[in-house]
Amino acid sequence: MTARFLPFLLCLALAGCGWFNWGQSEQVLIRSEDGGAGSPNQLVVADPRPRMPQVLGIQLDRTPYGAILTARGLPPRQGWWNAALVRVPDSQTPPGSIAYVFKAVPDPVPQPAGTQRSREVFAAARVPLADLTGANSVIVVAGQNQLSTRP
């Protein structure tokens, strides 16, 4: 019976000592469409995962209910997991834009670098039709770069 509750107790203990750090937030810079003229917006996104270092490509596939946004990222080493596109609140994005931050968790045990193809990580998010209406661009922000596409 004790063995059944051991994983629960372990998670509870780790959460209590701050292992998960759910309260952290980070600032994200989103550059303007014209290549950075003007000052970039300072965005705050609460998520403990670090940003994917580089986004290599994004694709927006339309569906009857909106679209599916897929991003391909490149970490420096193998083993990154739990990737997600985290939505940036509309109040913190440029007008007419929908922004996502590409986040993932690095492996705590250092892994070999490997080939680029073996390190690539994918993440996807559903973009509701109501959000796409009136949007000029969809932006995915990574640690070193950002990519945008038009809906």
Protein backbone atom coordinates (compact mmCIF):
# COMPACT_ATOMS: atom_id res chain seq x y z
CA MET A 1 0.00 0.00 0.00
CA THR A 2 2.87 2.38 0.76
CA ALA A 3 4.33 1.73 -2.68
CA ARG A 4 1.12 3.05 -4.29
CA PHE A 5 1.44 6.41 -2.55
CA LEU A 6 5.21 6.80 -2.94
CA PRO A 7 5.05 8.58 -6.37
CA PHE A 8 2.39 10.95 -5.04
CA LEU A 9 4.43 11.77 -1.95
CA LEU A 10 7.55 12.30 -4.05
CA CYS A 11 5.73 14.76 -6.32
CA LEU A 12 4.29 16.55 -3.32
CA ALA A 13 7.72 16.85 -1.72
CA LEU A 14 9.32 18.14 -4.93
CA ALA A 15 6.56 20.71 -5.44
CA GLY A 16 6.95 21.88 -1.85
CA CYS A 17 10.66 22.53 -2.20
CA GLY A 18 10.25 24.59 -5.36
CA TRP A 19 11.44 21.92 -7.82
CA PHE A 20 8.74 22.73 -10.37
CA ASN A 21 8.98 26.57 -10.12
CA TRP A 22 5.46 27.12 -11.50
CA GLY A 23 5.41 30.78 -10.45
CA GLN A 24 8.28 31.95 -12.66
CA SER A 25 7.72 34.23 -15.61
CA GLU A 26 9.94 35.51 -18.36
CA GLN A 27 10.00 38.48 -20.68
CA VAL A 28 9.70 37.84 -24.40
CA LEU A 29 10.70 40.28 -27.12
CA ILE A 30 8.58 40.32 -30.25
CA ARG A 31 10.07 42.39 -33.05
CA SER A 32 7.83 44.34 -35.37
CA GLU A 33 7.04 43.10 -38.89
CA ASP A 34 9.18 45.82 -40.52
CA GLY A 35 12.40 44.34 -39.15
CA GLY A 36 12.59 45.96 -35.76
CA ALA A 37 11.78 49.63 -36.30
CA GLY A 38 10.62 51.15 -33.06
CA SER A 39 11.02 49.62 -29.63
CA PRO A 40 10.07 45.96 -29.21
CA ASN A 41 7.22 45.01 -26.91
CA GLN A 42 8.11 43.53 -23.52
CA LEU A 43 5.95 40.46 -22.94
CA VAL A 44 5.57 38.40 -19.80
CA VAL A 45 4.74 34.69 -20.13
CA ALA A 46 4.41 32.53 -17.00
CA ASP A 47 5.81 29.07 -17.74
CA PRO A 48 8.77 27.36 -16.04
CA ARG A 49 10.12 25.72 -19.21
CA PRO A 50 13.00 27.47 -21.00
CA ARG A 51 12.53 28.69 -24.54
CA MET A 52 13.61 26.48 -27.41
CA PRO A 53 16.91 28.05 -28.53
CA GLN A 54 15.99 28.23 -32.22
CA VAL A 55 12.84 27.85 -34.30
CA LEU A 56 13.62 26.44 -37.75
CA GLY A 57 10.20 26.49 -39.36
CA ILE A 58 6.52 27.06 -38.77
CA GLN A 59 3.43 25.96 -40.66
CA LEU A 60 -0.18 27.08 -40.28
CA ASP A 61 -2.70 24.57 -41.63
CA ARG A 62 -6.30 25.78 -41.89
CA THR A 63 -9.14 23.67 -40.50
CA PRO A 64 -12.91 24.28 -40.47
CA TYR A 65 -12.60 25.50 -36.86
CA GLY A 66 -9.43 27.61 -37.16
CA ALA A 67 -5.92 26.36 -37.80
CA ILE A 68 -3.18 24.13 -36.45
CA LEU A 69 0.15 25.85 -35.91
CA THR A 70 3.18 23.54 -36.07
CA ALA A 71 6.70 24.63 -35.18
CA ARG A 72 10.04 22.85 -35.60
CA GLY A 73 12.79 23.79 -33.14
CA LEU A 74 16.46 23.01 -32.73
CA PRO A 75 17.98 22.60 -29.26
CA PRO A 76 21.76 22.37 -28.79
CA ARG A 77 21.63 18.74 -27.61
CA GLN A 78 19.37 15.71 -27.83
CA GLY A 79 16.85 14.92 -25.11
CA TRP A 80 14.62 18.04 -25.03
CA TRP A 81 11.02 17.04 -24.26
CA ASN A 82 7.58 18.36 -23.21
CA ALA A 83 7.58 20.90 -26.03
CA ALA A 84 4.67 23.30 -26.38
CA LEU A 85 3.66 26.52 -28.04
CA VAL A 86 2.56 28.82 -25.21
CA ARG A 87 0.13 31.55 -26.21
CA VAL A 88 1.11 35.13 -25.39
CA PRO A 89 -1.88 37.19 -24.15
CA ASP A 90 -3.39 39.50 -26.79
CA SER A 91 -2.86 42.50 -24.53
CA GLN A 92 0.91 41.93 -24.81
CA THR A 93 1.22 41.40 -28.58
CA PRO A 94 1.38 43.90 -31.43
CA PRO A 95 -2.06 44.77 -32.87
CA GLY A 96 -3.24 42.23 -35.43
CA SER A 97 -0.74 39.57 -34.30
CA ILE A 98 -1.07 36.25 -32.53
CA ALA A 99 2.11 35.24 -30.70
CA TYR A 100 3.35 31.95 -29.25
CA VAL A 101 6.54 31.15 -27.35
CA PHE A 102 8.22 27.83 -28.21
CA LYS A 103 9.05 26.13 -24.89
CA ALA A 104 10.57 22.75 -24.00
CA VAL A 105 12.37 21.03 -21.14
CA PRO A 106 16.03 20.04 -21.57
CA ASP A 107 17.15 16.65 -20.36
CA PRO A 108 18.69 17.06 -16.88
CA VAL A 109 21.38 14.54 -17.82
CA PRO A 110 23.61 15.95 -20.59
CA GLN A 111 23.06 14.08 -23.83
CA PRO A 112 25.28 13.96 -26.92
CA ALA A 113 24.74 16.67 -29.49
CA GLY A 114 24.02 14.25 -32.35
CA THR A 115 22.98 15.33 -35.82
CA GLN A 116 20.69 18.27 -36.44
CA ARG A 117 17.88 15.99 -37.59
CA SER A 118 18.11 13.89 -34.42
CA ARG A 119 17.81 17.01 -32.23
CA GLU A 120 14.78 18.58 -33.93
CA VAL A 121 11.71 18.97 -31.73
CA PHE A 122 8.13 19.62 -32.90
CA ALA A 123 5.27 21.33 -31.12
CA ALA A 124 1.76 22.22 -32.24
CA ALA A 125 -1.13 24.34 -31.03
CA ARG A 126 -4.74 24.84 -32.10
CA VAL A 127 -5.56 28.39 -33.15
CA PRO A 128 -9.33 29.04 -32.87
CA LEU A 129 -11.14 30.59 -35.83
CA ALA A 130 -12.22 33.54 -33.68
CA ASP A 131 -8.57 34.37 -32.99
CA LEU A 132 -7.62 34.16 -36.68
CA THR A 133 -10.32 36.61 -37.69
CA GLY A 134 -8.62 39.97 -38.13
CA ALA A 135 -5.11 38.63 -37.50
CA ASN A 136 -2.36 39.79 -39.85
CA SER A 137 0.37 37.48 -38.60
CA VAL A 138 1.09 34.51 -36.37
CA ILE A 139 4.48 34.72 -34.62
CA VAL A 140 6.51 31.96 -32.95
CA VAL A 141 9.28 33.23 -30.66
CA ALA A 142 12.34 31.15 -29.66
CA GLY A 143 15.46 32.02 -27.70
CA GLN A 144 17.56 33.29 -30.62
CA ASN A 145 15.02 34.06 -33.33
CA GLN A 146 11.37 34.32 -34.26
CA LEU A 147 9.38 33.38 -37.35
CA SER A 148 6.03 34.65 -38.56
CA THR A 149 3.46 33.59 -41.11
CA ARG A 150 0.23 35.03 -42.42
CA PRO A 151 -3.08 33.28 -41.69
